[in-house]
Amino acid sequence: MNERIGELKIKAQNGDVHAQTYLGYIYEMGRGVNKHLRESSQWYLMAAKSGNRYAIEALEEIRRSSTGL
């Protein structure tokens, strides 16, 4: 899994919105990695800046859950 995540990170850093979104999901859910909402949010934010609706909604949900609203 670490090799796959490394490949995704390279794609994401090069602007691949799908890779950014998937990394956000992986870190949000802890799929093959430790759950890490800060890192998840960073990847989602990159994707959200490109208009990815899933990433935008995921960021909103993370913010709501972290503020207790």
C-alpha atoms as a PDB file:
ATOM      1  CA  MET A   1       0.000   0.000   0.000  1.00  0.00           C
ATOM      2  CA  ASN A   2       2.861   2.424   0.765  1.00  0.00           C
ATOM      3  CA  GLU A   3       4.043   2.192  -2.853  1.00  0.00           C
ATOM      4  CA  ARG A   4       0.536   2.982  -4.102  1.00  0.00           C
ATOM      5  CA  ILE A   5       0.250   5.963  -1.759  1.00  0.00           C
ATOM      6  CA  GLY A   6       3.620   7.227  -2.948  1.00  0.00           C
ATOM      7  CA  GLU A   7       2.422   7.045  -6.553  1.00  0.00           C
ATOM      8  CA  LEU A   8      -0.794   8.852  -5.645  1.00  0.00           C
ATOM      9  CA  LYS A   9       1.139  11.599  -3.872  1.00  0.00           C
ATOM     10  CA  ILE A  10       3.294  12.208  -6.949  1.00  0.00           C
ATOM     11  CA  LYS A  11       0.194  12.456  -9.127  1.00  0.00           C
ATOM     12  CA  ALA A  12      -1.575  14.667  -6.605  1.00  0.00           C
ATOM     13  CA  GLN A  13       1.380  17.036  -6.282  1.00  0.00           C
ATOM     14  CA  ASN A  14       1.377  17.306 -10.070  1.00  0.00           C
ATOM     15  CA  GLY A  15      -2.239  18.481 -10.055  1.00  0.00           C
ATOM     16  CA  ASP A  16      -4.215  15.240 -10.477  1.00  0.00           C
ATOM     17  CA  VAL A  17      -7.526  16.135  -8.817  1.00  0.00           C
ATOM     18  CA  HIS A  18      -8.660  12.515  -8.567  1.00  0.00           C
ATOM     19  CA  ALA A  19      -5.442  11.544  -6.766  1.00  0.00           C
ATOM     20  CA  GLN A  20      -5.834  14.519  -4.411  1.00  0.00           C
ATOM     21  CA  THR A  21      -9.393  13.512  -3.601  1.00  0.00           C
ATOM     22  CA  TYR A  22      -8.522   9.860  -3.128  1.00  0.00           C
ATOM     23  CA  LEU A  23      -5.657  10.737  -0.786  1.00  0.00           C
ATOM     24  CA  GLY A  24      -8.062  12.898   1.197  1.00  0.00           C
ATOM     25  CA  TYR A  25     -10.377   9.917   1.497  1.00  0.00           C
ATOM     26  CA  ILE A  26      -7.570   7.502   2.398  1.00  0.00           C
ATOM     27  CA  TYR A  27      -6.375   9.711   5.261  1.00  0.00           C
ATOM     28  CA  GLU A  28      -9.893  10.604   6.379  1.00  0.00           C
ATOM     29  CA  MET A  29     -10.919   6.946   6.671  1.00  0.00           C
ATOM     30  CA  GLY A  30      -7.549   5.477   7.635  1.00  0.00           C
ATOM     31  CA  ARG A  31      -7.430   3.097   4.653  1.00  0.00           C
ATOM     32  CA  GLY A  32      -3.987   1.503   4.789  1.00  0.00           C
ATOM     33  CA  VAL A  33      -2.622   4.457   6.795  1.00  0.00           C
ATOM     34  CA  ASN A  34      -3.249   5.964  10.199  1.00  0.00           C
ATOM     35  CA  LYS A  35      -6.321   8.178  10.186  1.00  0.00           C
ATOM     36  CA  HIS A  36      -5.085  11.759   9.931  1.00  0.00           C
ATOM     37  CA  LEU A  37      -7.697  14.464   9.397  1.00  0.00           C
ATOM     38  CA  ARG A  38      -5.209  17.295   9.008  1.00  0.00           C
ATOM     39  CA  GLU A  39      -3.486  15.548   6.099  1.00  0.00           C
ATOM     40  CA  SER A  40      -6.848  14.503   4.702  1.00  0.00           C
ATOM     41  CA  SER A  41      -7.988  18.122   4.753  1.00  0.00           C
ATOM     42  CA  GLN A  42      -4.845  19.295   2.971  1.00  0.00           C
ATOM     43  CA  TRP A  43      -5.439  16.887   0.072  1.00  0.00           C
ATOM     44  CA  TYR A  44      -9.150  17.685  -0.053  1.00  0.00           C
ATOM     45  CA  LEU A  45      -8.339  21.404  -0.091  1.00  0.00           C
ATOM     46  CA  MET A  46      -6.098  20.958  -3.129  1.00  0.00           C
ATOM     47  CA  ALA A  47      -8.899  19.143  -4.939  1.00  0.00           C
ATOM     48  CA  ALA A  48     -11.528  21.628  -3.764  1.00  0.00           C
ATOM     49  CA  LYS A  49      -9.544  24.491  -5.275  1.00  0.00           C
ATOM     50  CA  SER A  50     -10.067  22.759  -8.624  1.00  0.00           C
ATOM     51  CA  GLY A  51     -13.813  22.622  -8.007  1.00  0.00           C
ATOM     52  CA  ASN A  52     -14.116  18.959  -7.011  1.00  0.00           C
ATOM     53  CA  ARG A  53     -17.542  18.733  -5.346  1.00  0.00           C
ATOM     54  CA  TYR A  54     -16.755  15.609  -3.316  1.00  0.00           C
ATOM     55  CA  ALA A  55     -13.668  17.290  -1.845  1.00  0.00           C
ATOM     56  CA  ILE A  56     -15.620  20.453  -1.030  1.00  0.00           C
ATOM     57  CA  GLU A  57     -18.331  18.460   0.736  1.00  0.00           C
ATOM     58  CA  ALA A  58     -15.783  16.306   2.568  1.00  0.00           C
ATOM     59  CA  LEU A  59     -13.999  19.419   3.852  1.00  0.00           C
ATOM     60  CA  GLU A  60     -17.296  20.860   5.069  1.00  0.00           C
ATOM     61  CA  GLU A  61     -18.091  17.598   6.871  1.00  0.00           C
ATOM     62  CA  ILE A  62     -14.653  17.456   8.517  1.00  0.00           C
ATOM     63  CA  ARG A  63     -15.056  21.060   9.680  1.00  0.00           C
ATOM     64  CA  ARG A  64     -18.548  20.353  11.068  1.00  0.00           C
ATOM     65  CA  SER A  65     -17.416  17.247  12.916  1.00  0.00           C
ATOM     66  CA  SER A  66     -14.316  18.909  14.353  1.00  0.00           C
ATOM     67  CA  THR A  67     -16.261  21.892  15.679  1.00  0.00           C
ATOM     68  CA  GLY A  68     -19.045  19.751  17.082  1.00  0.00           C
ATOM     69  CA  LEU A  69     -21.742  21.407  15.002  1.00  0.00           C
END
